[in-house]
Every structure is written in structure tokens, then in C-alpha cells.
Amino acid sequence: MTWEPKKNKQLFFLVAMPRSGNTLFASIMNQNPKIAATANSITLEIMKDLYLLKKTDVFQNFPDHRSLDNVIDSVYDNYYKDWPQQYIIDRGPVMTKGNFALMQKHFKRPFKCIVLLRDLMDVLASYMQWYTENPDSFINRYNLKNDEEKLSMIMNTKGAVAKDLDAIKNSFNYPDICHFVKYDDLVAQPEKEIRKIYKFMDIPYYNHRFENLQQVEVNGMKYDDTIVGKNMHNIRSVVKKKYNPYIEKIPERIRQKYGHIRF
């Protein structure tokens, strides 16, 4: 790919819980040289941190809202300025009420969201398989005695799963800008679901392959899973549904508390 920044980029968002097909989705979409589906993005955190400066003593002592708002307004344009792709699919919980309000105030342009849906028990079973088969998983770095404690930590209210669940819940209030894709449908009929996504994005379809998939790479960068644990973002080379026996090992108290969260 020629490294030539594109003007007039179009921004989309991917909203989904971890272990819901995010990496698979990115691997498929990034076959199209005009698309960059990102890793878990820091852009919303940048906007939030900048906004929170308004609560500091230094800012309140000299509250120059316009100047700081100018910086917040330009986060996405500056972050993706040098990316050569025309279409950016930024992965992040943009549809939480707080993030959505920030985007409405500061992005100042319409945007669309692709929302991946997977039953929470399947998500937790995927986590269980991963942290059981990979001892260096970040979940195993805490002094947690059993699966119930580990899954409870994953479900803590300030964690990624909870944030993404909030974003998914709120996204149902905005069906005009959100397109919903069930994980099971994506792996069962990938071409059909990807074509629907292209239609929603209103961009020309690219002839994707669904075999010999590559691990996610964007502009020469790859995941460094030594940070979170080996194989966190590895995908199979072929899109297919595979039964996960760990679904039967989820502790009963976890099932009782979260088993109703299905899509």
C-alpha cells in the first residue's frame, strides 16, 4: 500500500464486547485497501481526558472553553490524518451516553455504527477458554482463586465488557445510525453479513475472502499480546462456527446473574 494520506476520510465505529468477533471483523474488512478497521482504539479516551481537563483547577482558574473545544473538535481529524485509508472503522464504545454526547458536541458530522452482538455467556466462555489455555493471561496475574472470581473481575462495572454492554444497550435507541450484526450470523454466513455491512456503510463492495485469513495488521502495526496475554487476538484462518465446551463450565452464580443478557 502506498503511504499517502487521504483527504475527506469517512469515519465509522465498531461497537462490541471483547470476544465478540472484533478481531475477525477487522481481519476481513482490512483486506480492502480503502478500509482500516482499527484495534481497540484510544480515540474516545483522548476526547474524554481532554474534556475532563475542564474540571481541573488550572482550567477553571482561566476557563478558555473555546480554545480547549477546538482541540477536542480536532481529535479524530488529527489522529487519522496520516492514515492512507479512505474509510476508518474505529473500534470503541461510542454509543455509551457520555461518549455519544461528546461526539455530538465535538465531532460535528454524522457517523454510523456497526454493532456486533454475542450472547454474554458465549463471551465469558471464550474468556474462560483463553485464560485457561494461556497461563500468562492478564486475568491470571491477579490473586483470584477460581473461575467465579475471574469472571466476576471481567464483569466489573468499570471494565471493557460493562462499557461495551452500556454502549450496545444505548445503541438500540438509535437504529437510524446503527447496524446490528449477530456474531453467530457473521461466522455462519460471512459474505452475506459483510455485504449487508457494506450496504449500510454505503460504500462499494470489495470481494473479500473468508479463508486464509491473516492476523490483524494496520499500517504495519500488529497487536503486542505480551501486554495482555498470549493469543488474546489470534484468529483462525477460516471463518466458521466452533462449539466451545467451556460454555458448560461457567459457574452457576455467574449464569444466574448474567445469563439473561442475550441477543
C-alpha atoms as a PDB file:
ATOM      1  CA  MET A   1       0.000   0.000   0.000  1.00  0.00           C
ATOM      2  CA  THR A   2       1.277   3.448  -0.887  1.00  0.00           C
ATOM      3  CA  TRP A   3       1.555   5.562   2.242  1.00  0.00           C
ATOM      4  CA  GLU A   4      -0.438   8.553   1.074  1.00  0.00           C
ATOM      5  CA  PRO A   5      -2.863  10.225   3.496  1.00  0.00           C
ATOM      6  CA  LYS A   6      -6.385  10.508   2.097  1.00  0.00           C
ATOM      7  CA  LYS A   7      -8.446  13.642   2.493  1.00  0.00           C
ATOM      8  CA  ASN A   8     -12.140  13.592   3.325  1.00  0.00           C
ATOM      9  CA  LYS A   9     -11.938  10.350   5.259  1.00  0.00           C
ATOM     10  CA  GLN A  10     -15.198   8.813   6.387  1.00  0.00           C
ATOM     11  CA  LEU A  11     -15.455   7.616   9.982  1.00  0.00           C
ATOM     12  CA  PHE A  12     -17.477   4.637  11.166  1.00  0.00           C
ATOM     13  CA  PHE A  13     -17.498   2.926  14.553  1.00  0.00           C
ATOM     14  CA  LEU A  14     -17.439  -0.689  15.672  1.00  0.00           C
ATOM     15  CA  VAL A  15     -19.268  -1.288  18.956  1.00  0.00           C
ATOM     16  CA  ALA A  16     -18.946  -4.735  20.529  1.00  0.00           C
ATOM     17  CA  MET A  17     -17.931  -6.585  23.659  1.00  0.00           C
ATOM     18  CA  PRO A  18     -14.489  -8.216  23.694  1.00  0.00           C
ATOM     19  CA  ARG A  19     -14.538 -11.821  22.400  1.00  0.00           C
ATOM     20  CA  SER A  20     -17.421 -10.963  20.045  1.00  0.00           C
ATOM     21  CA  GLY A  21     -15.667 -11.208  16.717  1.00  0.00           C
ATOM     22  CA  ASN A  22     -13.942  -7.809  16.710  1.00  0.00           C
ATOM     23  CA  THR A  23     -10.613  -9.204  15.531  1.00  0.00           C
ATOM     24  CA  LEU A  24     -12.244 -11.459  12.951  1.00  0.00           C
ATOM     25  CA  PHE A  25     -14.223  -8.491  11.635  1.00  0.00           C
ATOM     26  CA  ALA A  26     -11.074  -6.355  11.372  1.00  0.00           C
ATOM     27  CA  SER A  27      -9.149  -9.099   9.578  1.00  0.00           C
ATOM     28  CA  ILE A  28     -11.876  -9.413   6.954  1.00  0.00           C
ATOM     29  CA  MET A  29     -12.536  -5.709   6.451  1.00  0.00           C
ATOM     30  CA  ASN A  30      -8.853  -4.795   6.270  1.00  0.00           C
ATOM     31  CA  GLN A  31      -8.483  -6.904   3.130  1.00  0.00           C
ATOM     32  CA  ASN A  32      -9.989  -3.868   1.435  1.00  0.00           C
ATOM     33  CA  PRO A  33      -7.098  -1.393   0.975  1.00  0.00           C
ATOM     34  CA  LYS A  34      -9.541   1.508   1.301  1.00  0.00           C
ATOM     35  CA  ILE A  35     -10.641   0.418   4.797  1.00  0.00           C
ATOM     36  CA  ALA A  36      -8.843   0.480   8.139  1.00  0.00           C
ATOM     37  CA  ALA A  37     -10.719  -1.353  10.883  1.00  0.00           C
ATOM     38  CA  THR A  38      -8.750  -0.467  13.994  1.00  0.00           C
ATOM     39  CA  ALA A  39      -7.680  -2.350  17.058  1.00  0.00           C
ATOM     40  CA  ASN A  40      -9.312  -1.302  20.327  1.00  0.00           C
ATOM     41  CA  SER A  41      -8.992   2.457  19.877  1.00  0.00           C
ATOM     42  CA  ILE A  42      -7.835   5.160  22.294  1.00  0.00           C
ATOM     43  CA  THR A  43      -9.592   8.000  20.472  1.00  0.00           C
ATOM     44  CA  LEU A  44     -12.618   8.181  22.769  1.00  0.00           C
ATOM     45  CA  GLU A  45     -10.307   8.142  25.781  1.00  0.00           C
ATOM     46  CA  ILE A  46      -8.375  11.053  24.293  1.00  0.00           C
ATOM     47  CA  MET A  47     -11.604  13.040  23.913  1.00  0.00           C
ATOM     48  CA  LYS A  48     -12.733  12.178  27.424  1.00  0.00           C
ATOM     49  CA  ASP A  49      -9.403  13.058  29.026  1.00  0.00           C
ATOM     50  CA  LEU A  50      -9.318  16.385  27.220  1.00  0.00           C
ATOM     51  CA  TYR A  51     -12.877  17.126  28.304  1.00  0.00           C
ATOM     52  CA  LEU A  52     -12.048  16.264  31.929  1.00  0.00           C
ATOM     53  CA  LEU A  53      -9.405  18.998  31.921  1.00  0.00           C
ATOM     54  CA  LYS A  54     -12.362  21.357  32.327  1.00  0.00           C
ATOM     55  CA  LYS A  55     -12.743  20.056  35.864  1.00  0.00           C
ATOM     56  CA  THR A  56      -9.187  20.937  36.874  1.00  0.00           C
ATOM     57  CA  ASP A  57      -8.257  23.961  38.959  1.00  0.00           C
ATOM     58  CA  VAL A  58      -5.918  25.257  36.268  1.00  0.00           C
ATOM     59  CA  PHE A  59      -8.676  25.338  33.654  1.00  0.00           C
ATOM     60  CA  GLN A  60     -11.339  26.695  35.988  1.00  0.00           C
ATOM     61  CA  ASN A  61      -8.956  29.444  37.049  1.00  0.00           C
ATOM     62  CA  PHE A  62      -8.891  30.586  33.401  1.00  0.00           C
ATOM     63  CA  PRO A  63     -11.813  28.805  31.662  1.00  0.00           C
ATOM     64  CA  ASP A  64     -10.972  29.190  27.982  1.00  0.00           C
ATOM     65  CA  HIS A  65     -13.651  26.807  26.675  1.00  0.00           C
ATOM     66  CA  ARG A  66     -13.344  27.784  23.033  1.00  0.00           C
ATOM     67  CA  SER A  67      -9.638  27.003  22.790  1.00  0.00           C
ATOM     68  CA  LEU A  68      -9.928  23.636  24.533  1.00  0.00           C
ATOM     69  CA  ASP A  69     -13.045  22.789  22.499  1.00  0.00           C
ATOM     70  CA  ASN A  70     -11.036  23.453  19.337  1.00  0.00           C
ATOM     71  CA  VAL A  71      -8.576  20.762  20.429  1.00  0.00           C
ATOM     72  CA  ILE A  72     -11.346  18.286  21.259  1.00  0.00           C
ATOM     73  CA  ASP A  73     -13.083  19.031  17.944  1.00  0.00           C
ATOM     74  CA  SER A  74      -9.954  18.038  16.044  1.00  0.00           C
ATOM     75  CA  VAL A  75      -9.135  14.731  17.789  1.00  0.00           C
ATOM     76  CA  TYR A  76     -10.317  12.424  15.008  1.00  0.00           C
ATOM     77  CA  ASP A  77      -9.012  14.520  12.134  1.00  0.00           C
ATOM     78  CA  ASN A  78      -5.572  14.744  13.738  1.00  0.00           C
ATOM     79  CA  TYR A  79      -5.402  11.131  14.913  1.00  0.00           C
ATOM     80  CA  TYR A  80      -6.178   9.699  11.487  1.00  0.00           C
ATOM     81  CA  LYS A  81      -4.533  12.470   9.452  1.00  0.00           C
ATOM     82  CA  ASP A  82      -1.678  10.300   8.163  1.00  0.00           C
ATOM     83  CA  TRP A  83      -3.656   7.100   7.630  1.00  0.00           C
ATOM     84  CA  PRO A  84      -3.848   6.294   3.908  1.00  0.00           C
ATOM     85  CA  GLN A  85      -7.268   4.604   4.006  1.00  0.00           C
ATOM     86  CA  GLN A  86     -10.429   6.408   2.958  1.00  0.00           C
ATOM     87  CA  TYR A  87     -12.743   4.647   5.403  1.00  0.00           C
ATOM     88  CA  ILE A  88     -11.868   4.291   9.088  1.00  0.00           C
ATOM     89  CA  ILE A  89     -13.801   1.876  11.308  1.00  0.00           C
ATOM     90  CA  ASP A  90     -12.833   2.930  14.823  1.00  0.00           C
ATOM     91  CA  ARG A  91     -13.440   0.296  17.493  1.00  0.00           C
ATOM     92  CA  GLY A  92     -14.756   1.823  20.705  1.00  0.00           C
ATOM     93  CA  PRO A  93     -17.854   2.192  22.923  1.00  0.00           C
ATOM     94  CA  VAL A  94     -19.011   5.356  21.168  1.00  0.00           C
ATOM     95  CA  MET A  95     -22.668   4.695  21.979  1.00  0.00           C
ATOM     96  CA  THR A  96     -22.443   4.990  25.754  1.00  0.00           C
ATOM     97  CA  LYS A  97     -24.472   8.044  26.721  1.00  0.00           C
ATOM     98  CA  GLY A  98     -21.389  10.020  27.760  1.00  0.00           C
ATOM     99  CA  ASN A  99     -19.332   9.180  24.669  1.00  0.00           C
ATOM    100  CA  PHE A 100     -22.256   9.806  22.351  1.00  0.00           C
ATOM    101  CA  ALA A 101     -22.841  13.234  23.897  1.00  0.00           C
ATOM    102  CA  LEU A 102     -19.151  14.107  23.392  1.00  0.00           C
ATOM    103  CA  MET A 103     -19.307  13.023  19.767  1.00  0.00           C
ATOM    104  CA  GLN A 104     -22.475  15.003  19.118  1.00  0.00           C
ATOM    105  CA  LYS A 105     -20.874  18.130  20.544  1.00  0.00           C
ATOM    106  CA  HIS A 106     -17.363  17.823  19.121  1.00  0.00           C
ATOM    107  CA  PHE A 107     -17.300  15.606  16.036  1.00  0.00           C
ATOM    108  CA  LYS A 108     -19.969  17.741  14.348  1.00  0.00           C
ATOM    109  CA  ARG A 109     -20.551  15.287  11.498  1.00  0.00           C
ATOM    110  CA  PRO A 110     -22.893  12.334  11.073  1.00  0.00           C
ATOM    111  CA  PHE A 111     -21.414   8.901  11.660  1.00  0.00           C
ATOM    112  CA  LYS A 112     -22.607   5.301  11.609  1.00  0.00           C
ATOM    113  CA  CYS A 113     -22.007   2.374  13.966  1.00  0.00           C
ATOM    114  CA  ILE A 114     -21.659  -1.330  13.287  1.00  0.00           C
ATOM    115  CA  VAL A 115     -22.744  -3.201  16.421  1.00  0.00           C
ATOM    116  CA  LEU A 116     -21.596  -6.804  16.893  1.00  0.00           C
ATOM    117  CA  LEU A 117     -23.872  -8.832  19.152  1.00  0.00           C
ATOM    118  CA  ARG A 118     -22.927 -12.010  21.008  1.00  0.00           C
ATOM    119  CA  ASP A 119     -24.647 -13.638  23.974  1.00  0.00           C
ATOM    120  CA  LEU A 120     -22.774 -12.811  27.164  1.00  0.00           C
ATOM    121  CA  MET A 121     -22.392 -16.467  28.182  1.00  0.00           C
ATOM    122  CA  ASP A 122     -20.585 -17.130  24.896  1.00  0.00           C
ATOM    123  CA  VAL A 123     -18.320 -14.142  25.567  1.00  0.00           C
ATOM    124  CA  LEU A 124     -17.489 -15.401  29.064  1.00  0.00           C
ATOM    125  CA  ALA A 125     -16.920 -18.938  27.776  1.00  0.00           C
ATOM    126  CA  SER A 126     -14.442 -17.521  25.259  1.00  0.00           C
ATOM    127  CA  TYR A 127     -12.653 -15.681  28.060  1.00  0.00           C
ATOM    128  CA  MET A 128     -12.558 -18.882  30.139  1.00  0.00           C
ATOM    129  CA  GLN A 129     -11.023 -20.886  27.325  1.00  0.00           C
ATOM    130  CA  TRP A 130      -8.445 -18.199  26.657  1.00  0.00           C
ATOM    131  CA  TYR A 131      -7.260 -17.650  30.241  1.00  0.00           C
ATOM    132  CA  THR A 132      -7.262 -21.420  30.926  1.00  0.00           C
ATOM    133  CA  GLU A 133      -5.195 -22.267  27.871  1.00  0.00           C
ATOM    134  CA  ASN A 134      -2.878 -19.260  28.237  1.00  0.00           C
ATOM    135  CA  PRO A 135      -1.441 -19.035  31.766  1.00  0.00           C
ATOM    136  CA  ASP A 136       0.123 -15.614  31.067  1.00  0.00           C
ATOM    137  CA  SER A 137      -3.343 -14.083  30.529  1.00  0.00           C
ATOM    138  CA  PHE A 138      -3.714 -10.815  32.426  1.00  0.00           C
ATOM    139  CA  ILE A 139      -6.644 -12.386  34.291  1.00  0.00           C
ATOM    140  CA  ASN A 140      -4.269 -14.942  35.804  1.00  0.00           C
ATOM    141  CA  ARG A 141      -1.969 -12.199  37.073  1.00  0.00           C
ATOM    142  CA  TYR A 142      -4.316 -11.427  39.947  1.00  0.00           C
ATOM    143  CA  ASN A 143      -4.755 -13.472  43.094  1.00  0.00           C
ATOM    144  CA  LEU A 144      -8.085 -14.965  42.015  1.00  0.00           C
ATOM    145  CA  LYS A 145      -8.921 -18.429  43.277  1.00  0.00           C
ATOM    146  CA  ASN A 146     -11.445 -19.779  40.777  1.00  0.00           C
ATOM    147  CA  ASP A 147     -13.488 -19.153  37.623  1.00  0.00           C
ATOM    148  CA  GLU A 148     -16.241 -17.358  39.514  1.00  0.00           C
ATOM    149  CA  GLU A 149     -13.795 -14.774  40.832  1.00  0.00           C
ATOM    150  CA  LYS A 150     -12.103 -14.413  37.442  1.00  0.00           C
ATOM    151  CA  LEU A 151     -15.370 -13.936  35.552  1.00  0.00           C
ATOM    152  CA  SER A 152     -16.597 -11.507  38.210  1.00  0.00           C
ATOM    153  CA  MET A 153     -13.461  -9.455  37.659  1.00  0.00           C
ATOM    154  CA  ILE A 154     -14.098  -9.444  33.906  1.00  0.00           C
ATOM    155  CA  MET A 155     -17.636  -8.181  34.599  1.00  0.00           C
ATOM    156  CA  ASN A 156     -16.588  -5.352  36.922  1.00  0.00           C
ATOM    157  CA  THR A 157     -18.556  -2.182  36.253  1.00  0.00           C
ATOM    158  CA  LYS A 158     -15.536  -0.175  35.091  1.00  0.00           C
ATOM    159  CA  GLY A 159     -14.229  -2.840  32.719  1.00  0.00           C
ATOM    160  CA  ALA A 160     -14.429  -3.161  28.950  1.00  0.00           C
ATOM    161  CA  VAL A 161     -17.317  -5.646  28.927  1.00  0.00           C
ATOM    162  CA  ALA A 162     -19.535  -3.420  31.069  1.00  0.00           C
ATOM    163  CA  LYS A 163     -18.734  -0.324  28.991  1.00  0.00           C
ATOM    164  CA  ASP A 164     -19.467  -2.117  25.749  1.00  0.00           C
ATOM    165  CA  LEU A 165     -22.701  -3.534  27.140  1.00  0.00           C
ATOM    166  CA  ASP A 166     -23.786   0.008  28.038  1.00  0.00           C
ATOM    167  CA  ALA A 167     -22.902   1.138  24.528  1.00  0.00           C
ATOM    168  CA  ILE A 168     -24.842  -1.732  22.957  1.00  0.00           C
ATOM    169  CA  LYS A 169     -27.874  -1.067  25.137  1.00  0.00           C
ATOM    170  CA  ASN A 170     -27.941   2.611  24.174  1.00  0.00           C
ATOM    171  CA  SER A 171     -27.342   1.843  20.501  1.00  0.00           C
ATOM    172  CA  PHE A 172     -30.817   0.289  20.249  1.00  0.00           C
ATOM    173  CA  ASN A 173     -32.176   3.806  20.789  1.00  0.00           C
ATOM    174  CA  TYR A 174     -30.523   4.924  17.534  1.00  0.00           C
ATOM    175  CA  PRO A 175     -31.488   2.394  14.849  1.00  0.00           C
ATOM    176  CA  ASP A 176     -31.087   5.046  12.164  1.00  0.00           C
ATOM    177  CA  ILE A 177     -27.302   5.157  12.646  1.00  0.00           C
ATOM    178  CA  CYS A 178     -26.628   1.621  13.946  1.00  0.00           C
ATOM    179  CA  HIS A 179     -26.436  -1.659  12.043  1.00  0.00           C
ATOM    180  CA  PHE A 180     -26.657  -4.803  14.164  1.00  0.00           C
ATOM    181  CA  VAL A 181     -24.763  -7.992  13.322  1.00  0.00           C
ATOM    182  CA  LYS A 182     -25.059 -11.178  15.344  1.00  0.00           C
ATOM    183  CA  TYR A 183     -21.775 -12.983  15.813  1.00  0.00           C
ATOM    184  CA  ASP A 184     -23.389 -16.338  15.044  1.00  0.00           C
ATOM    185  CA  ASP A 185     -24.690 -14.968  11.729  1.00  0.00           C
ATOM    186  CA  LEU A 186     -21.292 -13.495  10.864  1.00  0.00           C
ATOM    187  CA  VAL A 187     -19.479 -16.817  11.272  1.00  0.00           C
ATOM    188  CA  ALA A 188     -22.281 -18.847   9.649  1.00  0.00           C
ATOM    189  CA  GLN A 189     -22.790 -16.631   6.591  1.00  0.00           C
ATOM    190  CA  PRO A 190     -19.861 -14.221   6.474  1.00  0.00           C
ATOM    191  CA  GLU A 191     -20.261 -12.985   2.906  1.00  0.00           C
ATOM    192  CA  LYS A 192     -23.968 -12.275   3.383  1.00  0.00           C
ATOM    193  CA  GLU A 193     -23.343 -10.300   6.583  1.00  0.00           C
ATOM    194  CA  ILE A 194     -20.353  -8.393   5.194  1.00  0.00           C
ATOM    195  CA  ARG A 195     -22.402  -7.390   2.139  1.00  0.00           C
ATOM    196  CA  LYS A 196     -25.079  -6.028   4.484  1.00  0.00           C
ATOM    197  CA  ILE A 197     -22.415  -4.003   6.278  1.00  0.00           C
ATOM    198  CA  TYR A 198     -21.193  -2.506   3.016  1.00  0.00           C
ATOM    199  CA  LYS A 199     -24.754  -1.594   2.098  1.00  0.00           C
ATOM    200  CA  PHE A 200     -25.186   0.090   5.488  1.00  0.00           C
ATOM    201  CA  MET A 201     -21.909   1.972   5.089  1.00  0.00           C
ATOM    202  CA  ASP A 202     -22.985   2.904   1.552  1.00  0.00           C
ATOM    203  CA  ILE A 203     -19.600   2.182   0.001  1.00  0.00           C
ATOM    204  CA  PRO A 204     -18.633  -0.099  -2.913  1.00  0.00           C
ATOM    205  CA  TYR A 205     -18.330  -3.790  -2.015  1.00  0.00           C
ATOM    206  CA  TYR A 206     -14.904  -5.410  -2.054  1.00  0.00           C
ATOM    207  CA  ASN A 207     -14.503  -9.069  -2.989  1.00  0.00           C
ATOM    208  CA  HIS A 208     -13.438 -10.447   0.385  1.00  0.00           C
ATOM    209  CA  ARG A 209     -12.105 -13.902   1.081  1.00  0.00           C
ATOM    210  CA  PHE A 210     -13.187 -15.910   4.118  1.00  0.00           C
ATOM    211  CA  GLU A 211     -10.373 -18.438   4.121  1.00  0.00           C
ATOM    212  CA  ASN A 212      -6.634 -17.995   4.671  1.00  0.00           C
ATOM    213  CA  LEU A 213      -7.364 -15.084   6.974  1.00  0.00           C
ATOM    214  CA  GLN A 214      -4.446 -13.041   8.246  1.00  0.00           C
ATOM    215  CA  GLN A 215      -3.865 -11.823  11.776  1.00  0.00           C
ATOM    216  CA  VAL A 216      -4.809  -8.173  12.181  1.00  0.00           C
ATOM    217  CA  GLU A 217      -2.301  -5.642  10.931  1.00  0.00           C
ATOM    218  CA  VAL A 218      -2.982  -1.947  10.309  1.00  0.00           C
ATOM    219  CA  ASN A 219      -0.402   0.274   8.624  1.00  0.00           C
ATOM    220  CA  GLY A 220       2.373  -2.133   9.564  1.00  0.00           C
ATOM    221  CA  MET A 221       1.358  -2.398  13.214  1.00  0.00           C
ATOM    222  CA  LYS A 222       0.250  -5.578  14.974  1.00  0.00           C
ATOM    223  CA  TYR A 223      -1.052  -6.449  18.422  1.00  0.00           C
ATOM    224  CA  ASP A 224       1.594  -6.946  21.101  1.00  0.00           C
ATOM    225  CA  ASP A 225      -0.163  -9.547  23.209  1.00  0.00           C
ATOM    226  CA  THR A 226       2.653  -9.771  25.718  1.00  0.00           C
ATOM    227  CA  ILE A 227       0.783  -6.888  27.359  1.00  0.00           C
ATOM    228  CA  VAL A 228      -2.491  -8.764  27.930  1.00  0.00           C
ATOM    229  CA  GLY A 229      -1.507 -12.399  27.432  1.00  0.00           C
ATOM    230  CA  LYS A 230      -0.594 -14.652  24.544  1.00  0.00           C
ATOM    231  CA  ASN A 231      -3.144 -15.374  21.806  1.00  0.00           C
ATOM    232  CA  MET A 232      -5.624 -12.760  23.013  1.00  0.00           C
ATOM    233  CA  HIS A 233      -6.184 -11.565  19.440  1.00  0.00           C
ATOM    234  CA  ASN A 234      -5.372 -14.653  17.400  1.00  0.00           C
ATOM    235  CA  ILE A 235      -7.987 -15.762  14.898  1.00  0.00           C
ATOM    236  CA  ARG A 236      -8.485 -18.977  12.943  1.00  0.00           C
ATOM    237  CA  SER A 237      -7.614 -18.915   9.267  1.00  0.00           C
ATOM    238  CA  VAL A 238     -11.152 -19.886   8.226  1.00  0.00           C
ATOM    239  CA  VAL A 239     -14.451 -18.312   9.260  1.00  0.00           C
ATOM    240  CA  LYS A 240     -16.559 -20.966  10.927  1.00  0.00           C
ATOM    241  CA  LYS A 241     -18.689 -21.611  13.989  1.00  0.00           C
ATOM    242  CA  LYS A 242     -16.970 -23.796  16.570  1.00  0.00           C
ATOM    243  CA  TYR A 243     -18.580 -25.194  19.705  1.00  0.00           C
ATOM    244  CA  ASN A 244     -16.881 -24.055  22.897  1.00  0.00           C
ATOM    245  CA  PRO A 245     -17.151 -26.659  25.697  1.00  0.00           C
ATOM    246  CA  TYR A 246     -16.329 -24.001  28.299  1.00  0.00           C
ATOM    247  CA  ILE A 247     -19.923 -22.778  27.995  1.00  0.00           C
ATOM    248  CA  GLU A 248     -20.837 -25.742  30.209  1.00  0.00           C
ATOM    249  CA  LYS A 249     -18.218 -24.805  32.815  1.00  0.00           C
ATOM    250  CA  ILE A 250     -19.478 -21.315  33.630  1.00  0.00           C
ATOM    251  CA  PRO A 251     -20.234 -21.205  37.400  1.00  0.00           C
ATOM    252  CA  GLU A 252     -23.910 -21.242  38.314  1.00  0.00           C
ATOM    253  CA  ARG A 253     -23.827 -17.928  40.182  1.00  0.00           C
ATOM    254  CA  ILE A 254     -22.414 -16.245  37.076  1.00  0.00           C
ATOM    255  CA  ARG A 255     -25.169 -17.818  34.980  1.00  0.00           C
ATOM    256  CA  GLN A 256     -27.844 -16.637  37.391  1.00  0.00           C
ATOM    257  CA  LYS A 257     -26.503 -13.088  37.415  1.00  0.00           C
ATOM    258  CA  TYR A 258     -25.747 -12.595  33.725  1.00  0.00           C
ATOM    259  CA  GLY A 259     -27.347 -15.431  31.772  1.00  0.00           C
ATOM    260  CA  HIS A 260     -30.294 -13.241  30.703  1.00  0.00           C
ATOM    261  CA  ILE A 261     -28.062 -10.973  28.582  1.00  0.00           C
ATOM    262  CA  ARG A 262     -28.697 -12.451  25.160  1.00  0.00           C
ATOM    263  CA  PHE A 263     -29.009 -11.010  21.684  1.00  0.00           C
END
